[in-house]
Protein backbone atom coordinates (compact mmCIF):
# COMPACT_ATOMS: atom_id res chain seq x y z
CA MET A 1 -85.99 14.81 49.66
CA ALA A 2 -82.92 16.79 48.65
CA ALA A 3 -84.67 20.13 48.83
CA ARG A 4 -86.08 19.36 52.24
CA LYS A 5 -82.71 18.32 53.60
CA LEU A 6 -80.96 21.36 52.21
CA GLU A 7 -83.36 23.86 53.87
CA ALA A 8 -81.25 23.95 57.02
CA VAL A 9 -78.14 24.70 55.02
CA ALA A 10 -79.91 27.49 53.07
CA ARG A 11 -80.38 29.52 56.28
CA LEU A 12 -76.61 29.80 56.67
CA LEU A 13 -76.00 31.00 53.09
CA PRO A 14 -76.75 34.15 51.17
CA PRO A 15 -80.15 34.16 49.38
CA ASP A 16 -78.55 34.06 45.92
CA ALA A 17 -76.75 30.72 46.55
CA THR A 18 -77.48 27.86 44.18
CA ALA A 19 -77.20 24.13 44.91
CA ASP A 20 -76.77 21.14 42.59
CA VAL A 21 -77.41 17.65 43.81
CA GLU A 22 -76.30 14.58 41.88
CA PHE A 23 -77.10 10.99 42.57
CA SER A 24 -75.06 8.16 40.98
CA LYS A 25 -74.42 4.47 41.47
CA GLU A 26 -71.02 2.83 41.59
CA ARG A 27 -70.75 -0.05 39.15
CA ASN A 28 -68.08 -2.01 41.08
CA PRO A 29 -69.85 -5.03 42.66
CA ARG A 30 -67.20 -5.21 45.45
CA ILE A 31 -68.27 -1.82 46.86
CA LYS A 32 -71.10 -2.22 49.37
CA GLN A 33 -71.93 1.45 49.59
CA ARG A 34 -72.76 1.91 45.91
CA ASN A 35 -75.20 4.85 46.07
CA VAL A 36 -73.43 8.23 45.92
CA ALA A 37 -74.76 11.68 46.59
CA GLU A 38 -72.77 14.77 45.55
CA ILE A 39 -73.79 18.32 46.60
CA THR A 40 -72.21 21.44 45.06
CA ILE A 41 -73.22 24.89 46.40
CA MET A 42 -72.18 28.16 44.76
CA ALA A 43 -72.40 31.19 47.08
CA ARG A 44 -70.95 34.49 45.93
CA GLY A 45 -67.83 33.06 44.40
CA LYS A 46 -67.30 30.34 46.97
CA VAL A 47 -67.87 26.68 46.20
CA LEU A 48 -68.93 24.20 48.86
CA ARG A 49 -68.79 20.55 47.91
CA ALA A 50 -69.65 17.31 49.65
CA ARG A 51 -69.67 13.71 48.43
CA ALA A 52 -70.86 10.72 50.43
CA ALA A 53 -71.77 7.08 49.77
CA GLY A 54 -74.26 4.81 51.36
CA THR A 55 -76.19 1.57 51.00
CA ALA A 56 -79.28 3.66 50.04
CA PHE A 57 -79.55 7.09 48.39
CA SER A 58 -81.20 8.49 51.53
CA ASP A 59 -78.21 7.43 53.65
CA ALA A 60 -75.77 9.02 51.19
CA MET A 61 -77.84 12.23 51.14
CA VAL A 62 -77.87 12.47 54.96
CA HIS A 63 -74.09 12.16 55.14
CA ALA A 64 -73.45 14.62 52.27
CA VAL A 65 -75.83 17.18 53.85
CA ARG A 66 -74.05 16.79 57.19
CA ASN A 67 -70.70 17.53 55.50
CA VAL A 68 -71.87 20.48 53.46
CA ARG A 69 -73.71 21.94 56.52
CA GLN A 70 -70.40 21.97 58.42
CA GLU A 71 -68.73 23.81 55.52
CA ALA A 72 -71.62 26.33 55.30
CA SER A 73 -71.48 26.89 59.03
CA ASP A 74 -67.76 27.58 58.91
CA LEU A 75 -68.27 30.03 56.00
CA HIS A 76 -71.12 31.71 57.84
CA HIS A 77 -69.06 32.23 61.03
CA ARG A 78 -66.06 33.55 59.07
CA ARG A 79 -68.35 36.11 57.38
CA ARG A 80 -69.73 37.20 60.74
CA ALA A 81 -66.29 37.43 62.43
CA HIS A 82 -64.67 39.39 59.59
CA PRO A 83 -67.42 41.22 57.68
CA HIS A 84 -65.00 43.04 55.31
CA ARG A 85 -63.01 39.96 54.47
CA GLY A 86 -64.00 36.76 52.76
CA LEU A 87 -66.92 36.85 50.35
CA LYS A 88 -67.00 39.47 47.64
CA ALA A 89 -70.06 40.32 45.62
CA ALA A 90 -69.80 38.61 42.26
């Protein structure tokens, strides 16, 4: 599921970008949204991170992907607007 959801984000990033997805569960019984999804993407020296919680892991993943897609889109547009600034080859 994670790989399928991150395909849209991959189009905005360089081909050598790597992504890590972690799923965890909060142990506090008072928290309703216990399932947590964390996404970390490394793209040529830049780190994009998103963390979201939901009642199910799929809900948390959808919210985290939405957040990281926005960050990737901003990075993509900055690279296009200023091609000689921003990312440097690592």
